[in-house]
Amino acid sequence: MTTEWTINEIAKLTNLSKDTIRYYEKEKLITPKRSDNNYRIYSKEELFKLKYIAVMKYARFSLKEINTFMLLFDQELSEDCNQQGKTLLEKKISDLERAVRHYQAILQLLKSPIRMTFSS
């Protein structure tokens, strides 16, 4: 099984565009190696990070929040690192639960019969 991929291959594996992957590199969320001919080479670590980034983007994490998480991934395990990750996740869970309640209220409103009265 391959453990290194080109940008074309990693784009297919992650369902991300090459431009998106390059943007994540520019934002220092990932750091692929370079081959002798200067092509990007992506390892299992970048594959994992890209998949995780895609999930976090879908869950409405900002790039700043994702960057914080990527920095935490690269740190040694510690109580402080664990607490930072936990705090970030608790905030995001709270934000998502608030959004779910908001969308549930919208759905309820849209499903209820609309009574319109017109006056002349």
N, C-alpha and C. Protein backbone atom coordinates (compact mmCIF):
# COMPACT_ATOMS: atom_id res chain seq x y z
N MET A 1 0.84 -1.19 0.00
CA MET A 1 0.00 0.00 0.00
C MET A 1 0.88 1.25 0.00
N THR A 2 0.49 2.22 -0.81
CA THR A 2 1.25 3.46 -0.92
C THR A 2 1.14 4.27 0.37
N THR A 3 2.25 4.86 0.77
CA THR A 3 2.24 5.71 1.96
C THR A 3 2.60 7.15 1.63
N GLU A 4 2.85 7.43 0.36
CA GLU A 4 3.10 8.80 -0.10
C GLU A 4 2.34 9.02 -1.40
N TRP A 5 1.84 10.25 -1.55
CA TRP A 5 0.99 10.57 -2.70
C TRP A 5 1.36 11.92 -3.28
N THR A 6 1.07 12.07 -4.57
CA THR A 6 1.19 13.37 -5.23
C THR A 6 -0.05 14.20 -4.91
N ILE A 7 -0.05 15.45 -5.32
CA ILE A 7 -1.22 16.30 -5.04
C ILE A 7 -2.45 15.78 -5.77
N ASN A 8 -2.28 15.24 -6.99
CA ASN A 8 -3.43 14.68 -7.72
C ASN A 8 -4.03 13.50 -6.95
N GLU A 9 -3.16 12.64 -6.45
CA GLU A 9 -3.63 11.46 -5.73
C GLU A 9 -4.28 11.84 -4.39
N ILE A 10 -3.67 12.77 -3.67
CA ILE A 10 -4.22 13.14 -2.37
C ILE A 10 -5.54 13.88 -2.54
N ALA A 11 -5.67 14.62 -3.63
CA ALA A 11 -6.93 15.32 -3.92
C ALA A 11 -8.06 14.30 -4.12
N LYS A 12 -7.77 13.23 -4.84
CA LYS A 12 -8.78 12.18 -5.05
C LYS A 12 -9.12 11.46 -3.75
N LEU A 13 -8.10 11.19 -2.93
CA LEU A 13 -8.33 10.47 -1.67
C LEU A 13 -9.15 11.29 -0.66
N THR A 14 -9.02 12.61 -0.73
CA THR A 14 -9.68 13.47 0.26
C THR A 14 -10.92 14.18 -0.28
N ASN A 15 -11.16 14.07 -1.58
CA ASN A 15 -12.25 14.81 -2.23
C ASN A 15 -12.11 16.33 -2.04
N LEU A 16 -10.87 16.78 -1.99
CA LEU A 16 -10.58 18.22 -1.93
C LEU A 16 -9.93 18.63 -3.25
N SER A 17 -10.12 19.87 -3.64
CA SER A 17 -9.47 20.34 -4.86
C SER A 17 -7.99 20.59 -4.60
N LYS A 18 -7.21 20.56 -5.66
CA LYS A 18 -5.78 20.85 -5.53
C LYS A 18 -5.58 22.27 -5.00
N ASP A 19 -6.41 23.20 -5.46
CA ASP A 19 -6.31 24.58 -4.97
C ASP A 19 -6.56 24.66 -3.47
N THR A 20 -7.54 23.91 -2.98
CA THR A 20 -7.84 23.90 -1.55
C THR A 20 -6.67 23.34 -0.77
N ILE A 21 -6.08 22.26 -1.27
CA ILE A 21 -4.93 21.64 -0.61
C ILE A 21 -3.76 22.62 -0.58
N ARG A 22 -3.51 23.30 -1.69
CA ARG A 22 -2.43 24.30 -1.72
C ARG A 22 -2.71 25.44 -0.74
N TYR A 23 -3.97 25.84 -0.66
CA TYR A 23 -4.35 26.90 0.28
C TYR A 23 -4.07 26.47 1.72
N TYR A 24 -4.42 25.23 2.06
CA TYR A 24 -4.15 24.73 3.42
C TYR A 24 -2.65 24.69 3.69
N GLU A 25 -1.86 24.41 2.66
CA GLU A 25 -0.40 24.46 2.82
C GLU A 25 0.05 25.90 3.06
N LYS A 26 -0.49 26.82 2.27
CA LYS A 26 -0.14 28.24 2.43
C LYS A 26 -0.49 28.73 3.84
N GLU A 27 -1.60 28.24 4.38
CA GLU A 27 -2.03 28.63 5.73
C GLU A 27 -1.31 27.83 6.81
N LYS A 28 -0.37 26.98 6.39
CA LYS A 28 0.47 26.18 7.29
C LYS A 28 -0.32 25.16 8.11
N LEU A 29 -1.44 24.68 7.55
CA LEU A 29 -2.21 23.63 8.20
C LEU A 29 -1.58 22.27 7.92
N ILE A 30 -0.91 22.17 6.78
CA ILE A 30 -0.18 20.95 6.42
C ILE A 30 1.19 21.37 5.87
N THR A 31 2.12 20.45 5.92
CA THR A 31 3.46 20.74 5.40
C THR A 31 4.00 19.52 4.65
N PRO A 32 3.60 19.38 3.39
CA PRO A 32 4.10 18.23 2.61
C PRO A 32 5.60 18.38 2.35
N LYS A 33 6.23 17.23 2.15
CA LYS A 33 7.64 17.23 1.76
C LYS A 33 7.71 17.61 0.28
N ARG A 34 8.94 17.86 -0.17
CA ARG A 34 9.17 18.13 -1.59
C ARG A 34 10.11 17.07 -2.15
N SER A 35 9.79 16.62 -3.34
CA SER A 35 10.64 15.63 -4.01
C SER A 35 11.86 16.34 -4.62
N ASP A 36 12.76 15.57 -5.20
CA ASP A 36 13.95 16.15 -5.83
C ASP A 36 13.59 17.14 -6.94
N ASN A 37 12.46 16.88 -7.62
CA ASN A 37 12.03 17.79 -8.68
C ASN A 37 11.04 18.85 -8.17
N ASN A 38 10.97 19.00 -6.84
CA ASN A 38 10.18 20.02 -6.14
C ASN A 38 8.67 19.77 -6.16
N TYR A 39 8.25 18.57 -6.52
CA TYR A 39 6.83 18.23 -6.42
C TYR A 39 6.46 17.99 -4.96
N ARG A 40 5.22 18.32 -4.62
CA ARG A 40 4.74 18.05 -3.27
C ARG A 40 4.54 16.55 -3.10
N ILE A 41 4.95 16.04 -1.95
CA ILE A 41 4.76 14.62 -1.60
C ILE A 41 4.01 14.59 -0.27
N TYR A 42 2.85 13.94 -0.27
CA TYR A 42 1.99 13.90 0.91
C TYR A 42 2.10 12.54 1.60
N SER A 43 2.28 12.58 2.92
CA SER A 43 2.43 11.36 3.72
C SER A 43 1.10 11.00 4.37
N LYS A 44 1.12 9.89 5.12
CA LYS A 44 -0.07 9.49 5.88
C LYS A 44 -0.51 10.59 6.84
N GLU A 45 0.46 11.31 7.41
CA GLU A 45 0.14 12.39 8.35
C GLU A 45 -0.66 13.49 7.66
N GLU A 46 -0.24 13.90 6.46
CA GLU A 46 -0.99 14.92 5.72
C GLU A 46 -2.37 14.41 5.31
N LEU A 47 -2.43 13.13 4.92
CA LEU A 47 -3.72 12.54 4.57
C LEU A 47 -4.67 12.61 5.77
N PHE A 48 -4.20 12.21 6.93
CA PHE A 48 -5.00 12.27 8.15
C PHE A 48 -5.44 13.71 8.43
N LYS A 49 -4.48 14.64 8.37
CA LYS A 49 -4.80 16.05 8.66
C LYS A 49 -5.82 16.61 7.66
N LEU A 50 -5.65 16.30 6.38
CA LEU A 50 -6.59 16.81 5.38
C LEU A 50 -7.99 16.27 5.60
N LYS A 51 -8.09 14.99 5.94
CA LYS A 51 -9.42 14.43 6.23
C LYS A 51 -10.02 15.08 7.47
N TYR A 52 -9.21 15.30 8.48
CA TYR A 52 -9.68 15.94 9.70
C TYR A 52 -10.08 17.39 9.44
N ILE A 53 -9.30 18.10 8.64
CA ILE A 53 -9.62 19.48 8.27
C ILE A 53 -10.96 19.53 7.55
N ALA A 54 -11.19 18.59 6.63
CA ALA A 54 -12.46 18.55 5.88
C ALA A 54 -13.64 18.37 6.83
N VAL A 55 -13.48 17.50 7.81
CA VAL A 55 -14.55 17.30 8.81
C VAL A 55 -14.76 18.57 9.62
N MET A 56 -13.67 19.19 10.05
CA MET A 56 -13.78 20.42 10.85
C MET A 56 -14.41 21.54 10.04
N LYS A 57 -14.07 21.67 8.76
CA LYS A 57 -14.70 22.69 7.91
C LYS A 57 -16.20 22.43 7.81
N TYR A 58 -16.57 21.18 7.64
CA TYR A 58 -17.99 20.82 7.55
C TYR A 58 -18.71 21.15 8.85
N ALA A 59 -18.00 21.03 9.97
CA ALA A 59 -18.58 21.34 11.29
C ALA A 59 -18.45 22.84 11.62
N ARG A 60 -18.09 23.62 10.62
CA ARG A 60 -18.03 25.07 10.73
C ARG A 60 -16.92 25.59 11.65
N PHE A 61 -15.82 24.87 11.71
CA PHE A 61 -14.65 25.40 12.40
C PHE A 61 -14.05 26.48 11.51
N SER A 62 -13.59 27.56 12.10
CA SER A 62 -12.90 28.60 11.34
C SER A 62 -11.48 28.12 11.06
N LEU A 63 -10.81 28.78 10.12
CA LEU A 63 -9.43 28.41 9.83
C LEU A 63 -8.55 28.63 11.05
N LYS A 64 -8.84 29.66 11.82
CA LYS A 64 -8.08 29.91 13.04
C LYS A 64 -8.24 28.75 14.02
N GLU A 65 -9.47 28.27 14.19
CA GLU A 65 -9.71 27.13 15.08
C GLU A 65 -9.02 25.87 14.57
N ILE A 66 -9.09 25.66 13.25
CA ILE A 66 -8.44 24.49 12.65
C ILE A 66 -6.93 24.59 12.85
N ASN A 67 -6.39 25.78 12.66
CA ASN A 67 -4.95 25.98 12.85
C ASN A 67 -4.56 25.67 14.30
N THR A 68 -5.37 26.09 15.26
CA THR A 68 -5.10 25.78 16.67
C THR A 68 -5.05 24.27 16.87
N PHE A 69 -6.01 23.57 16.26
CA PHE A 69 -6.04 22.11 16.39
C PHE A 69 -4.82 21.47 15.74
N MET A 70 -4.43 21.95 14.58
CA MET A 70 -3.27 21.39 13.90
C MET A 70 -2.01 21.60 14.74
N LEU A 71 -1.90 22.75 15.39
CA LEU A 71 -0.76 22.99 16.29
C LEU A 71 -0.79 22.03 17.47
N LEU A 72 -1.99 21.75 17.98
CA LEU A 72 -2.11 20.81 19.09
C LEU A 72 -1.72 19.39 18.66
N PHE A 73 -2.06 19.01 17.42
CA PHE A 73 -1.68 17.69 16.90
C PHE A 73 -0.16 17.51 16.91
N ASP A 74 0.54 18.60 16.63
CA ASP A 74 1.99 18.53 16.50
C ASP A 74 2.72 18.64 17.84
N GLN A 75 2.00 18.90 18.93
CA GLN A 75 2.64 19.03 20.24
C GLN A 75 2.73 17.68 20.94
N GLU A 76 3.64 17.62 21.88
CA GLU A 76 3.72 16.45 22.76
C GLU A 76 2.44 16.39 23.58
N LEU A 77 1.98 15.19 23.87
CA LEU A 77 0.81 15.05 24.73
C LEU A 77 1.12 15.62 26.10
N SER A 78 0.21 16.45 26.59
CA SER A 78 0.36 17.03 27.93
C SER A 78 -1.02 17.40 28.44
N GLU A 79 -1.10 17.68 29.72
CA GLU A 79 -2.37 18.10 30.31
C GLU A 79 -2.83 19.42 29.71
N ASP A 80 -1.90 20.34 29.48
CA ASP A 80 -2.24 21.65 28.90
C ASP A 80 -2.77 21.48 27.47
N CYS A 81 -2.10 20.65 26.69
CA CYS A 81 -2.52 20.37 25.31
C CYS A 81 -3.92 19.75 25.31
N ASN A 82 -4.12 18.79 26.19
CA ASN A 82 -5.41 18.11 26.31
C ASN A 82 -6.51 19.11 26.69
N GLN A 83 -6.22 20.00 27.64
CA GLN A 83 -7.21 20.98 28.09
C GLN A 83 -7.55 21.98 26.99
N GLN A 84 -6.54 22.41 26.23
CA GLN A 84 -6.80 23.34 25.12
C GLN A 84 -7.72 22.71 24.09
N GLY A 85 -7.44 21.46 23.73
CA GLY A 85 -8.28 20.76 22.77
C GLY A 85 -9.69 20.58 23.29
N LYS A 86 -9.81 20.21 24.54
CA LYS A 86 -11.12 20.00 25.16
C LYS A 86 -11.92 21.30 25.19
N THR A 87 -11.28 22.40 25.54
CA THR A 87 -11.95 23.70 25.59
C THR A 87 -12.45 24.11 24.21
N LEU A 88 -11.61 23.94 23.20
CA LEU A 88 -12.00 24.28 21.83
C LEU A 88 -13.18 23.42 21.38
N LEU A 89 -13.13 22.13 21.66
CA LEU A 89 -14.22 21.24 21.25
C LEU A 89 -15.52 21.55 22.00
N GLU A 90 -15.43 21.85 23.28
CA GLU A 90 -16.64 22.19 24.05
C GLU A 90 -17.30 23.44 23.50
N LYS A 91 -16.50 24.44 23.13
CA LYS A 91 -17.06 25.67 22.54
C LYS A 91 -17.73 25.36 21.21
N LYS A 92 -17.07 24.55 20.38
CA LYS A 92 -17.64 24.23 19.07
C LYS A 92 -18.91 23.41 19.22
N ILE A 93 -18.93 22.47 20.15
CA ILE A 93 -20.14 21.67 20.40
C ILE A 93 -21.29 22.59 20.82
N SER A 94 -21.02 23.53 21.69
CA SER A 94 -22.03 24.48 22.13
C SER A 94 -22.55 25.31 20.95
N ASP A 95 -21.63 25.79 20.11
CA ASP A 95 -22.02 26.57 18.92
C ASP A 95 -22.90 25.74 17.99
N LEU A 96 -22.51 24.49 17.76
CA LEU A 96 -23.28 23.62 16.87
C LEU A 96 -24.65 23.28 17.45
N GLU A 97 -24.72 23.04 18.75
CA GLU A 97 -26.02 22.77 19.38
C GLU A 97 -26.94 23.98 19.26
N ARG A 98 -26.38 25.18 19.40
CA ARG A 98 -27.17 26.41 19.23
C ARG A 98 -27.68 26.51 17.79
N ALA A 99 -26.82 26.20 16.83
CA ALA A 99 -27.21 26.25 15.42
C ALA A 99 -28.30 25.22 15.12
N VAL A 100 -28.17 24.03 15.69
CA VAL A 100 -29.18 22.98 15.49
C VAL A 100 -30.54 23.45 16.03
N ARG A 101 -30.54 24.03 17.23
CA ARG A 101 -31.80 24.54 17.79
C ARG A 101 -32.40 25.62 16.89
N HIS A 102 -31.56 26.48 16.36
CA HIS A 102 -32.01 27.55 15.46
C HIS A 102 -32.67 26.95 14.21
N TYR A 103 -31.99 25.97 13.60
CA TYR A 103 -32.53 25.33 12.39
C TYR A 103 -33.78 24.52 12.69
N GLN A 104 -33.87 23.92 13.88
CA GLN A 104 -35.08 23.19 14.26
C GLN A 104 -36.26 24.16 14.38
N ALA A 105 -36.01 25.34 14.93
CA ALA A 105 -37.07 26.35 15.04
C ALA A 105 -37.51 26.81 13.65
N ILE A 106 -36.57 26.98 12.74
CA ILE A 106 -36.91 27.36 11.36
C ILE A 106 -37.75 26.27 10.71
N LEU A 107 -37.33 25.00 10.86
CA LEU A 107 -38.09 23.88 10.28
C LEU A 107 -39.51 23.84 10.84
N GLN A 108 -39.63 24.01 12.14
CA GLN A 108 -40.96 24.01 12.78
C GLN A 108 -41.84 25.11 12.20
N LEU A 109 -41.26 26.28 12.03
CA LEU A 109 -42.01 27.40 11.45
C LEU A 109 -42.42 27.10 10.01
N LEU A 110 -41.53 26.55 9.23
CA LEU A 110 -41.84 26.25 7.83
C LEU A 110 -42.86 25.13 7.68
N LYS A 111 -42.89 24.22 8.65
CA LYS A 111 -43.84 23.10 8.58
C LYS A 111 -45.23 23.48 9.08
N SER A 112 -45.32 24.54 9.85
CA SER A 112 -46.63 24.92 10.39
C SER A 112 -47.44 25.62 9.30
N PRO A 113 -48.78 25.42 9.36
CA PRO A 113 -49.61 26.06 8.34
C PRO A 113 -49.53 27.59 8.46
N ILE A 114 -49.46 28.20 7.30
CA ILE A 114 -49.38 29.65 7.27
C ILE A 114 -50.79 30.21 7.14
N ARG A 115 -51.14 31.10 8.04
CA ARG A 115 -52.44 31.76 7.98
C ARG A 115 -52.20 33.20 7.58
N MET A 116 -52.70 33.53 6.43
CA MET A 116 -52.53 34.89 5.95
C MET A 116 -53.89 35.56 5.85
N THR A 117 -53.94 36.74 6.30
CA THR A 117 -55.17 37.51 6.13
C THR A 117 -54.81 38.76 5.35
N PHE A 118 -55.66 39.08 4.42
CA PHE A 118 -55.43 40.25 3.61
C PHE A 118 -56.54 41.24 3.91
N SER A 119 -56.16 42.43 4.16
CA SER A 119 -57.19 43.45 4.38
C SER A 119 -57.24 44.39 3.18
N SER A 120 -58.42 44.90 2.94
CA SER A 120 -58.54 45.80 1.80
C SER A 120 -58.69 47.22 2.26
